[in-house]
Structures are given as C-alpha cells and as structure tokens.
All heavy atoms as atom14 arrays in JSON, in Angstrom:
{
  "sequence": "NFIAFFLVVKWGILAVAMVYLIRSYLLAPIPLLLLRKLIKLDLLIYL",
  "atom14_mask": [
    [1, 1, 1, 1, 1, 1, 1, 1, 0, 0, 0, 0, 0, 0],
    [1, 1, 1, 1, 1, 1, 1, 1, 1, 1, 1, 0, 0, 0],
    [1, 1, 1, 1, 1, 1, 1, 1, 0, 0, 0, 0, 0, 0],
    [1, 1, 1, 1, 1, 0, 0, 0, 0, 0, 0, 0, 0, 0],
    [1, 1, 1, 1, 1, 1, 1, 1, 1, 1, 1, 0, 0, 0],
    [1, 1, 1, 1, 1, 1, 1, 1, 1, 1, 1, 0, 0, 0],
    [1, 1, 1, 1, 1, 1, 1, 1, 0, 0, 0, 0, 0, 0],
    [1, 1, 1, 1, 1, 1, 1, 0, 0, 0, 0, 0, 0, 0],
    [1, 1, 1, 1, 1, 1, 1, 0, 0, 0, 0, 0, 0, 0],
    [1, 1, 1, 1, 1, 1, 1, 1, 1, 0, 0, 0, 0, 0],
    [1, 1, 1, 1, 1, 1, 1, 1, 1, 1, 1, 1, 1, 1],
    [1, 1, 1, 1, 0, 0, 0, 0, 0, 0, 0, 0, 0, 0],
    [1, 1, 1, 1, 1, 1, 1, 1, 0, 0, 0, 0, 0, 0],
    [1, 1, 1, 1, 1, 1, 1, 1, 0, 0, 0, 0, 0, 0],
    [1, 1, 1, 1, 1, 0, 0, 0, 0, 0, 0, 0, 0, 0],
    [1, 1, 1, 1, 1, 1, 1, 0, 0, 0, 0, 0, 0, 0],
    [1, 1, 1, 1, 1, 0, 0, 0, 0, 0, 0, 0, 0, 0],
    [1, 1, 1, 1, 1, 1, 1, 1, 0, 0, 0, 0, 0, 0],
    [1, 1, 1, 1, 1, 1, 1, 0, 0, 0, 0, 0, 0, 0],
    [1, 1, 1, 1, 1, 1, 1, 1, 1, 1, 1, 1, 0, 0],
    [1, 1, 1, 1, 1, 1, 1, 1, 0, 0, 0, 0, 0, 0],
    [1, 1, 1, 1, 1, 1, 1, 1, 0, 0, 0, 0, 0, 0],
    [1, 1, 1, 1, 1, 1, 1, 1, 1, 1, 1, 0, 0, 0],
    [1, 1, 1, 1, 1, 1, 0, 0, 0, 0, 0, 0, 0, 0],
    [1, 1, 1, 1, 1, 1, 1, 1, 1, 1, 1, 1, 0, 0],
    [1, 1, 1, 1, 1, 1, 1, 1, 0, 0, 0, 0, 0, 0],
    [1, 1, 1, 1, 1, 1, 1, 1, 0, 0, 0, 0, 0, 0],
    [1, 1, 1, 1, 1, 0, 0, 0, 0, 0, 0, 0, 0, 0],
    [1, 1, 1, 1, 1, 1, 1, 0, 0, 0, 0, 0, 0, 0],
    [1, 1, 1, 1, 1, 1, 1, 1, 0, 0, 0, 0, 0, 0],
    [1, 1, 1, 1, 1, 1, 1, 0, 0, 0, 0, 0, 0, 0],
    [1, 1, 1, 1, 1, 1, 1, 1, 0, 0, 0, 0, 0, 0],
    [1, 1, 1, 1, 1, 1, 1, 1, 0, 0, 0, 0, 0, 0],
    [1, 1, 1, 1, 1, 1, 1, 1, 0, 0, 0, 0, 0, 0],
    [1, 1, 1, 1, 1, 1, 1, 1, 0, 0, 0, 0, 0, 0],
    [1, 1, 1, 1, 1, 1, 1, 1, 1, 1, 1, 0, 0, 0],
    [1, 1, 1, 1, 1, 1, 1, 1, 1, 0, 0, 0, 0, 0],
    [1, 1, 1, 1, 1, 1, 1, 1, 0, 0, 0, 0, 0, 0],
    [1, 1, 1, 1, 1, 1, 1, 1, 0, 0, 0, 0, 0, 0],
    [1, 1, 1, 1, 1, 1, 1, 1, 1, 0, 0, 0, 0, 0],
    [1, 1, 1, 1, 1, 1, 1, 1, 0, 0, 0, 0, 0, 0],
    [1, 1, 1, 1, 1, 1, 1, 1, 0, 0, 0, 0, 0, 0],
    [1, 1, 1, 1, 1, 1, 1, 1, 0, 0, 0, 0, 0, 0],
    [1, 1, 1, 1, 1, 1, 1, 1, 0, 0, 0, 0, 0, 0],
    [1, 1, 1, 1, 1, 1, 1, 1, 0, 0, 0, 0, 0, 0],
    [1, 1, 1, 1, 1, 1, 1, 1, 1, 1, 1, 1, 0, 0],
    [1, 1, 1, 1, 1, 1, 1, 1, 0, 0, 0, 0, 0, 0]
  ],
  "atom14_positions": [
    [[-7.19, 2.47, -4.03], [-7.53, 3.52, -3.01], [-9.01, 4.0, -3.28], [-9.76, 4.06, -2.33], [-6.6, 4.72, -3.15], [-5.52, 4.74, -2.1], [-5.46, 3.83, -1.17], [-4.55, 5.59, -2.21], [0.0, 0.0, 0.0], [0.0, 0.0, 0.0], [0.0, 0.0, 0.0], [0.0, 0.0, 0.0], [0.0, 0.0, 0.0], [0.0, 0.0, 0.0]],
    [[-9.31, 4.35, -4.44], [-10.53, 4.95, -4.79], [-11.7, 3.91, -4.54], [-12.71, 4.25, -3.97], [-10.6, 5.45, -6.14], [-11.76, 6.4, -6.46], [-11.65, 7.73, -6.13], [-12.98, 5.99, -7.03], [-12.71, 8.64, -6.34], [-14.07, 6.81, -7.22], [-13.9, 8.19, -6.89], [0.0, 0.0, 0.0], [0.0, 0.0, 0.0], [0.0, 0.0, 0.0]],
    [[-11.5, 2.68, -4.97], [-12.51, 1.63, -4.67], [-12.63, 1.42, -3.26], [-13.82, 1.35, -2.77], [-12.03, 0.33, -5.39], [-12.11, 0.52, -6.96], [-12.94, -0.85, -4.96], [-11.59, -0.68, -7.73], [0.0, 0.0, 0.0], [0.0, 0.0, 0.0], [0.0, 0.0, 0.0], [0.0, 0.0, 0.0], [0.0, 0.0, 0.0], [0.0, 0.0, 0.0]],
    [[-11.59, 1.32, -2.52], [-11.64, 1.1, -1.09], [-12.36, 2.27, -0.35], [-13.21, 2.09, 0.49], [-10.26, 0.94, -0.43], [0.0, 0.0, 0.0], [0.0, 0.0, 0.0], [0.0, 0.0, 0.0], [0.0, 0.0, 0.0], [0.0, 0.0, 0.0], [0.0, 0.0, 0.0], [0.0, 0.0, 0.0], [0.0, 0.0, 0.0], [0.0, 0.0, 0.0]],
    [[-11.97, 3.52, -0.73], [-12.7, 4.66, -0.14], [-14.13, 4.68, -0.44], [-14.93, 4.98, 0.44], [-12.01, 5.96, -0.69], [-10.63, 6.24, -0.27], [-9.78, 6.96, -1.08], [-10.06, 5.67, 0.93], [-8.51, 7.19, -0.73], [-8.76, 5.88, 1.23], [-7.97, 6.66, 0.49], [0.0, 0.0, 0.0], [0.0, 0.0, 0.0], [0.0, 0.0, 0.0]],
    [[-14.44, 4.35, -1.68], [-15.91, 4.36, -2.06], [-16.67, 3.35, -1.27], [-17.91, 3.62, -0.84], [-16.04, 4.09, -3.53], [-17.44, 4.09, -4.04], [-18.05, 5.35, -4.33], [-18.17, 2.93, -4.3], [-19.43, 5.37, -4.74], [-19.45, 2.99, -4.73], [-20.1, 4.11, -4.99], [0.0, 0.0, 0.0], [0.0, 0.0, 0.0], [0.0, 0.0, 0.0]],
    [[-16.07, 2.18, -0.96], [-16.79, 1.14, -0.21], [-17.05, 1.43, 1.22], [-18.05, 1.03, 1.82], [-16.0, -0.18, -0.4], [-15.96, -0.78, -1.79], [-15.09, -2.04, -1.84], [-17.41, -1.15, -2.31], [0.0, 0.0, 0.0], [0.0, 0.0, 0.0], [0.0, 0.0, 0.0], [0.0, 0.0, 0.0], [0.0, 0.0, 0.0], [0.0, 0.0, 0.0]],
    [[-16.13, 2.26, 1.79], [-16.24, 2.47, 3.29], [-16.65, 3.87, 3.76], [-16.83, 4.05, 4.93], [-14.87, 2.08, 3.99], [-14.47, 0.68, 3.64], [-13.81, 3.1, 3.6], [0.0, 0.0, 0.0], [0.0, 0.0, 0.0], [0.0, 0.0, 0.0], [0.0, 0.0, 0.0], [0.0, 0.0, 0.0], [0.0, 0.0, 0.0], [0.0, 0.0, 0.0]],
    [[-16.71, 4.78, 2.76], [-16.96, 6.18, 3.21], [-18.31, 6.4, 3.91], [-18.4, 7.26, 4.75], [-16.98, 7.13, 1.9], [-18.12, 6.88, 0.99], [-16.88, 8.59, 2.32], [0.0, 0.0, 0.0], [0.0, 0.0, 0.0], [0.0, 0.0, 0.0], [0.0, 0.0, 0.0], [0.0, 0.0, 0.0], [0.0, 0.0, 0.0], [0.0, 0.0, 0.0]],
    [[-19.28, 5.49, 3.69], [-20.58, 5.59, 4.43], [-20.42, 5.36, 5.89], [-21.25, 5.78, 6.66], [-21.54, 4.62, 3.82], [-21.19, 3.09, 3.89], [-22.16, 2.25, 3.21], [-21.71, 0.77, 3.23], [-22.71, -0.1, 2.56], [0.0, 0.0, 0.0], [0.0, 0.0, 0.0], [0.0, 0.0, 0.0], [0.0, 0.0, 0.0], [0.0, 0.0, 0.0]],
    [[-19.29, 4.77, 6.31], [-19.09, 4.48, 7.75], [-18.27, 5.56, 8.42], [-17.95, 5.56, 9.59], [-18.37, 3.16, 8.0], [-19.28, 1.97, 7.72], [-20.47, 1.64, 8.41], [-19.11, 0.95, 6.77], [-21.02, 0.51, 7.89], [-20.21, 0.02, 6.87], [-18.14, 0.65, 5.78], [-20.32, -1.06, 6.08], [-18.36, -0.47, 4.97], [-19.42, -1.3, 5.08]],
    [[-17.94, 6.59, 7.66], [-17.29, 7.78, 8.29], [-15.81, 7.99, 7.94], [-15.19, 7.07, 7.31], [0.0, 0.0, 0.0], [0.0, 0.0, 0.0], [0.0, 0.0, 0.0], [0.0, 0.0, 0.0], [0.0, 0.0, 0.0], [0.0, 0.0, 0.0], [0.0, 0.0, 0.0], [0.0, 0.0, 0.0], [0.0, 0.0, 0.0], [0.0, 0.0, 0.0]],
    [[-15.25, 9.08, 8.5], [-13.88, 9.46, 8.12], [-12.83, 8.51, 8.69], [-11.81, 8.29, 8.18], [-13.54, 10.89, 8.53], [-13.84, 11.12, 10.06], [-14.42, 11.87, 7.7], [-13.46, 12.55, 10.51], [0.0, 0.0, 0.0], [0.0, 0.0, 0.0], [0.0, 0.0, 0.0], [0.0, 0.0, 0.0], [0.0, 0.0, 0.0], [0.0, 0.0, 0.0]],
    [[-13.13, 7.86, 9.86], [-12.12, 6.93, 10.46], [-12.08, 5.7, 9.55], [-10.99, 5.14, 9.43], [-12.6, 6.5, 11.91], [-11.69, 5.55, 12.6], [-10.21, 6.04, 12.65], [-12.28, 5.22, 13.96], [0.0, 0.0, 0.0], [0.0, 0.0, 0.0], [0.0, 0.0, 0.0], [0.0, 0.0, 0.0], [0.0, 0.0, 0.0], [0.0, 0.0, 0.0]],
    [[-13.2, 5.19, 9.03], [-13.14, 4.07, 8.17], [-12.28, 4.4, 6.92], [-11.48, 3.48, 6.48], [-14.57, 3.65, 7.78], [0.0, 0.0, 0.0], [0.0, 0.0, 0.0], [0.0, 0.0, 0.0], [0.0, 0.0, 0.0], [0.0, 0.0, 0.0], [0.0, 0.0, 0.0], [0.0, 0.0, 0.0], [0.0, 0.0, 0.0], [0.0, 0.0, 0.0]],
    [[-12.43, 5.52, 6.38], [-11.54, 5.94, 5.23], [-10.1, 5.88, 5.55], [-9.25, 5.4, 4.79], [-12.04, 7.36, 4.76], [-11.05, 7.83, 3.64], [-13.42, 7.35, 4.2], [0.0, 0.0, 0.0], [0.0, 0.0, 0.0], [0.0, 0.0, 0.0], [0.0, 0.0, 0.0], [0.0, 0.0, 0.0], [0.0, 0.0, 0.0], [0.0, 0.0, 0.0]],
    [[-9.76, 6.49, 6.74], [-8.37, 6.46, 7.14], [-7.84, 5.11, 7.4], [-6.64, 4.75, 7.02], [-8.31, 7.34, 8.45], [0.0, 0.0, 0.0], [0.0, 0.0, 0.0], [0.0, 0.0, 0.0], [0.0, 0.0, 0.0], [0.0, 0.0, 0.0], [0.0, 0.0, 0.0], [0.0, 0.0, 0.0], [0.0, 0.0, 0.0], [0.0, 0.0, 0.0]],
    [[-8.61, 4.21, 8.0], [-8.21, 2.82, 8.25], [-7.95, 2.05, 7.0], [-7.03, 1.29, 6.89], [-9.13, 2.18, 9.14], [-9.26, 2.65, 10.58], [-7.63, 2.44, 11.45], [-7.44, 0.68, 11.39], [0.0, 0.0, 0.0], [0.0, 0.0, 0.0], [0.0, 0.0, 0.0], [0.0, 0.0, 0.0], [0.0, 0.0, 0.0], [0.0, 0.0, 0.0]],
    [[-8.85, 2.2, 6.04], [-8.69, 1.42, 4.81], [-7.45, 1.97, 3.99], [-6.82, 1.2, 3.33], [-9.98, 1.47, 3.93], [-10.12, 2.8, 3.19], [-10.06, 0.39, 2.98], [0.0, 0.0, 0.0], [0.0, 0.0, 0.0], [0.0, 0.0, 0.0], [0.0, 0.0, 0.0], [0.0, 0.0, 0.0], [0.0, 0.0, 0.0], [0.0, 0.0, 0.0]],
    [[-7.11, 3.23, 4.15], [-5.93, 3.77, 3.52], [-4.7, 3.2, 4.18], [-3.76, 2.86, 3.41], [-5.95, 5.33, 3.68], [-4.81, 6.0, 3.01], [-4.37, 5.7, 1.74], [-4.14, 7.06, 3.7], [-3.27, 6.33, 1.19], [-3.09, 7.66, 3.13], [-2.66, 7.38, 1.86], [-1.57, 8.02, 1.28], [0.0, 0.0, 0.0], [0.0, 0.0, 0.0]],
    [[-4.75, 3.1, 5.46], [-3.59, 2.45, 6.18], [-3.42, 1.0, 5.71], [-2.3, 0.58, 5.42], [-3.9, 2.55, 7.67], [-2.93, 1.78, 8.58], [-1.5, 2.23, 8.49], [-3.45, 1.78, 10.09], [0.0, 0.0, 0.0], [0.0, 0.0, 0.0], [0.0, 0.0, 0.0], [0.0, 0.0, 0.0], [0.0, 0.0, 0.0], [0.0, 0.0, 0.0]],
    [[-4.45, 0.23, 5.76], [-4.34, -1.2, 5.36], [-3.9, -1.35, 3.94], [-3.01, -2.16, 3.62], [-5.71, -1.95, 5.6], [-6.04, -1.87, 7.13], [-5.65, -3.31, 5.09], [-7.45, -2.32, 7.47], [0.0, 0.0, 0.0], [0.0, 0.0, 0.0], [0.0, 0.0, 0.0], [0.0, 0.0, 0.0], [0.0, 0.0, 0.0], [0.0, 0.0, 0.0]],
    [[-4.5, -0.58, 3.03], [-4.14, -0.73, 1.6], [-2.66, -0.39, 1.37], [-1.98, -1.01, 0.59], [-5.05, 0.23, 0.77], [-5.04, 0.0, -0.7], [-3.89, 0.51, -1.46], [-3.51, 1.89, -1.13], [-2.39, 2.4, -1.37], [-1.46, 1.81, -1.9], [-2.14, 3.73, -1.05], [0.0, 0.0, 0.0], [0.0, 0.0, 0.0], [0.0, 0.0, 0.0]],
    [[-2.14, 0.62, 2.06], [-0.77, 1.05, 1.87], [0.23, -0.07, 2.18], [1.17, -0.23, 1.46], [-0.44, 2.31, 2.71], [-1.25, 3.4, 2.4], [0.0, 0.0, 0.0], [0.0, 0.0, 0.0], [0.0, 0.0, 0.0], [0.0, 0.0, 0.0], [0.0, 0.0, 0.0], [0.0, 0.0, 0.0], [0.0, 0.0, 0.0], [0.0, 0.0, 0.0]],
    [[0.03, -0.81, 3.24], [0.95, -1.85, 3.59], [0.78, -3.04, 2.83], [1.74, -3.75, 2.49], [0.85, -2.07, 5.11], [1.59, -1.1, 5.95], [0.92, 0.03, 6.42], [2.93, -1.22, 6.2], [1.6, 0.99, 7.23], [3.62, -0.24, 6.97], [2.92, 0.85, 7.45], [3.65, 1.8, 8.14], [0.0, 0.0, 0.0], [0.0, 0.0, 0.0]],
    [[-0.42, -3.36, 2.37], [-0.71, -4.53, 1.59], [-0.05, -4.49, 0.2], [0.42, -5.5, -0.34], [-2.21, -4.83, 1.37], [-2.96, -5.28, 2.6], [-4.48, -5.45, 2.2], [-2.47, -6.61, 3.04], [0.0, 0.0, 0.0], [0.0, 0.0, 0.0], [0.0, 0.0, 0.0], [0.0, 0.0, 0.0], [0.0, 0.0, 0.0], [0.0, 0.0, 0.0]],
    [[-0.03, -3.25, -0.41], [0.55, -3.13, -1.72], [2.04, -2.6, -1.7], [2.64, -2.47, -2.79], [-0.26, -2.12, -2.5], [-1.72, -2.48, -2.83], [-2.35, -1.4, -3.71], [-1.82, -3.93, -3.47], [0.0, 0.0, 0.0], [0.0, 0.0, 0.0], [0.0, 0.0, 0.0], [0.0, 0.0, 0.0], [0.0, 0.0, 0.0], [0.0, 0.0, 0.0]],
    [[2.63, -2.56, -0.54], [4.06, -2.11, -0.44], [5.09, -2.95, -1.17], [6.02, -2.36, -1.76], [4.42, -1.95, 1.09], [0.0, 0.0, 0.0], [0.0, 0.0, 0.0], [0.0, 0.0, 0.0], [0.0, 0.0, 0.0], [0.0, 0.0, 0.0], [0.0, 0.0, 0.0], [0.0, 0.0, 0.0], [0.0, 0.0, 0.0], [0.0, 0.0, 0.0]],
    [[4.87, -4.31, -1.27], [5.9, -5.06, -1.95], [6.02, -4.75, -3.47], [7.1, -5.02, -4.07], [5.4, -6.47, -1.78], [4.59, -6.44, -0.53], [3.89, -5.12, -0.54], [0.0, 0.0, 0.0], [0.0, 0.0, 0.0], [0.0, 0.0, 0.0], [0.0, 0.0, 0.0], [0.0, 0.0, 0.0], [0.0, 0.0, 0.0], [0.0, 0.0, 0.0]],
    [[5.01, -4.16, -4.11], [5.07, -4.01, -5.51], [6.17, -3.1, -5.98], [7.0, -3.5, -6.8], [3.61, -3.44, -6.04], [2.63, -4.55, -5.9], [3.75, -3.03, -7.54], [1.26, -4.06, -6.28], [0.0, 0.0, 0.0], [0.0, 0.0, 0.0], [0.0, 0.0, 0.0], [0.0, 0.0, 0.0], [0.0, 0.0, 0.0], [0.0, 0.0, 0.0]],
    [[6.29, -1.8, -5.46], [7.47, -1.01, -5.9], [8.84, -1.54, -5.51], [9.77, -1.34, -6.18], [7.14, 0.32, -5.14], [6.28, 0.01, -4.02], [5.48, -1.15, -4.5], [0.0, 0.0, 0.0], [0.0, 0.0, 0.0], [0.0, 0.0, 0.0], [0.0, 0.0, 0.0], [0.0, 0.0, 0.0], [0.0, 0.0, 0.0], [0.0, 0.0, 0.0]],
    [[8.89, -2.3, -4.45], [10.12, -2.89, -4.07], [10.67, -3.96, -5.11], [11.8, -4.06, -5.42], [10.04, -3.56, -2.66], [9.82, -2.64, -1.47], [9.77, -3.43, -0.17], [10.85, -1.52, -1.44], [0.0, 0.0, 0.0], [0.0, 0.0, 0.0], [0.0, 0.0, 0.0], [0.0, 0.0, 0.0], [0.0, 0.0, 0.0], [0.0, 0.0, 0.0]],
    [[9.73, -4.68, -5.57], [10.04, -5.72, -6.59], [10.5, -5.02, -7.88], [11.42, -5.49, -8.58], [8.87, -6.6, -6.87], [8.41, -7.52, -5.73], [7.19, -8.34, -6.1], [9.54, -8.53, -5.4], [0.0, 0.0, 0.0], [0.0, 0.0, 0.0], [0.0, 0.0, 0.0], [0.0, 0.0, 0.0], [0.0, 0.0, 0.0], [0.0, 0.0, 0.0]],
    [[9.87, -3.87, -8.25], [10.31, -3.15, -9.41], [11.72, -2.54, -9.18], [12.55, -2.57, -10.09], [9.36, -2.0, -9.72], [7.94, -2.42, -10.17], [7.01, -1.22, -10.34], [8.04, -3.24, -11.48], [0.0, 0.0, 0.0], [0.0, 0.0, 0.0], [0.0, 0.0, 0.0], [0.0, 0.0, 0.0], [0.0, 0.0, 0.0], [0.0, 0.0, 0.0]],
    [[11.95, -2.04, -7.99], [13.36, -1.5, -7.73], [14.42, -2.6, -7.76], [15.51, -2.36, -8.06], [13.34, -0.74, -6.44], [12.55, 0.5, -6.31], [12.67, 1.19, -4.91], [13.02, 1.56, -7.42], [0.0, 0.0, 0.0], [0.0, 0.0, 0.0], [0.0, 0.0, 0.0], [0.0, 0.0, 0.0], [0.0, 0.0, 0.0], [0.0, 0.0, 0.0]],
    [[13.98, -3.73, -7.32], [14.87, -4.88, -7.33], [15.36, -5.19, -8.78], [16.54, -5.48, -9.08], [14.22, -6.11, -6.77], [15.11, -7.36, -6.61], [14.39, -8.53, -6.08], [15.3, -9.66, -5.85], [14.87, -10.88, -5.39], [13.58, -11.03, -5.08], [15.74, -11.86, -5.33], [0.0, 0.0, 0.0], [0.0, 0.0, 0.0], [0.0, 0.0, 0.0]],
    [[14.48, -5.0, -9.75], [14.8, -5.3, -11.1], [15.49, -4.04, -11.74], [16.48, -4.19, -12.51], [13.54, -5.46, -11.94], [13.69, -5.77, -13.4], [12.42, -6.06, -14.11], [12.67, -6.27, -15.59], [11.41, -6.59, -16.34], [0.0, 0.0, 0.0], [0.0, 0.0, 0.0], [0.0, 0.0, 0.0], [0.0, 0.0, 0.0], [0.0, 0.0, 0.0]],
    [[15.23, -2.87, -11.3], [15.76, -1.66, -11.91], [17.23, -1.43, -11.45], [18.0, -1.12, -12.34], [14.86, -0.44, -11.49], [15.3, 0.94, -12.09], [15.09, 0.89, -13.57], [14.37, 2.03, -11.49], [0.0, 0.0, 0.0], [0.0, 0.0, 0.0], [0.0, 0.0, 0.0], [0.0, 0.0, 0.0], [0.0, 0.0, 0.0], [0.0, 0.0, 0.0]],
    [[17.47, -1.51, -10.23], [18.87, -1.19, -9.72], [19.47, -2.42, -8.94], [20.44, -2.25, -8.19], [18.82, 0.04, -8.8], [18.0, -0.23, -7.58], [18.4, 1.22, -9.5], [18.16, 0.85, -6.44], [0.0, 0.0, 0.0], [0.0, 0.0, 0.0], [0.0, 0.0, 0.0], [0.0, 0.0, 0.0], [0.0, 0.0, 0.0], [0.0, 0.0, 0.0]],
    [[18.89, -3.6, -9.2], [19.3, -4.83, -8.45], [19.3, -4.58, -6.97], [20.31, -4.87, -6.22], [20.77, -5.23, -9.02], [20.8, -5.63, -10.41], [22.09, -6.02, -10.82], [22.12, -6.77, -12.19], [21.46, -5.96, -13.23], [0.0, 0.0, 0.0], [0.0, 0.0, 0.0], [0.0, 0.0, 0.0], [0.0, 0.0, 0.0], [0.0, 0.0, 0.0]],
    [[18.21, -4.09, -6.51], [18.06, -3.8, -5.03], [18.06, -5.11, -4.24], [17.38, -6.12, -4.59], [16.7, -3.13, -4.81], [16.37, -2.75, -3.39], [17.17, -1.5, -2.92], [14.81, -2.43, -3.27], [0.0, 0.0, 0.0], [0.0, 0.0, 0.0], [0.0, 0.0, 0.0], [0.0, 0.0, 0.0], [0.0, 0.0, 0.0], [0.0, 0.0, 0.0]],
    [[18.88, -5.16, -3.28], [18.94, -6.32, -2.37], [17.9, -6.11, -1.27], [18.06, -5.29, -0.34], [20.31, -6.49, -1.73], [20.49, -7.81, -0.99], [19.61, -8.18, -0.27], [21.55, -8.46, -1.14], [0.0, 0.0, 0.0], [0.0, 0.0, 0.0], [0.0, 0.0, 0.0], [0.0, 0.0, 0.0], [0.0, 0.0, 0.0], [0.0, 0.0, 0.0]],
    [[16.8, -6.91, -1.35], [15.7, -6.74, -0.41], [16.1, -6.97, 1.06], [15.61, -6.32, 1.98], [14.48, -7.59, -0.85], [13.83, -7.21, -2.1], [12.68, -8.19, -2.36], [13.23, -5.81, -2.03], [0.0, 0.0, 0.0], [0.0, 0.0, 0.0], [0.0, 0.0, 0.0], [0.0, 0.0, 0.0], [0.0, 0.0, 0.0], [0.0, 0.0, 0.0]],
    [[16.98, -7.91, 1.25], [17.43, -8.19, 2.62], [18.2, -7.06, 3.25], [17.95, -6.66, 4.34], [18.33, -9.44, 2.6], [18.8, -9.97, 4.0], [17.51, -10.3, 4.83], [19.7, -11.17, 3.87], [0.0, 0.0, 0.0], [0.0, 0.0, 0.0], [0.0, 0.0, 0.0], [0.0, 0.0, 0.0], [0.0, 0.0, 0.0], [0.0, 0.0, 0.0]],
    [[19.11, -6.5, 2.42], [19.83, -5.3, 2.93], [18.88, -4.14, 3.13], [19.01, -3.41, 4.06], [21.0, -4.9, 1.9], [21.98, -6.01, 1.83], [21.58, -3.53, 2.26], [23.03, -5.76, 0.76], [0.0, 0.0, 0.0], [0.0, 0.0, 0.0], [0.0, 0.0, 0.0], [0.0, 0.0, 0.0], [0.0, 0.0, 0.0], [0.0, 0.0, 0.0]],
    [[18.01, -3.98, 2.19], [17.06, -2.84, 2.25], [16.14, -2.92, 3.51], [16.0, -1.96, 4.15], [16.16, -2.84, 1.0], [15.07, -1.75, 0.97], [15.47, -0.49, 0.56], [13.78, -2.11, 1.23], [14.41, 0.56, 0.62], [12.77, -1.13, 1.21], [13.15, 0.23, 0.86], [12.18, 1.2, 0.81], [0.0, 0.0, 0.0], [0.0, 0.0, 0.0]],
    [[15.62, -4.13, 3.8], [14.73, -4.29, 4.95], [15.53, -4.34, 6.26], [15.0, -3.83, 7.3], [13.93, -5.53, 4.76], [12.92, -5.55, 3.59], [12.23, -6.95, 3.52], [11.87, -4.5, 3.79], [0.0, 0.0, 0.0], [0.0, 0.0, 0.0], [0.0, 0.0, 0.0], [0.0, 0.0, 0.0], [0.0, 0.0, 0.0], [0.0, 0.0, 0.0]]
  ]
}
C-alpha cells in the first residue's frame, strides 16, 4: 500500500484511491490460502 501510494500520490487523490482498489484485489488470495491451511477452508465452498 505505502509503496503504491507513494508512487501515484503526485497524480492526485483519485489515483491514490484507484491504486488502493487494485492492490486490494490483487493480494486477496494470500489470506485465503492461509485460512485454507489453518481451518481446512474449502475455497470452492467459500467462493
């Protein structure tokens, strides 16, 4: 987040919001994989 915000802040507040949106969805699989290991989460059922 911080790196992305730093790189785009010069283009204004909309650029900051857009990079936050994109980053959030790109990294979404990481916690799901951890939960799969922690409680044997079935990703197919979950999604």
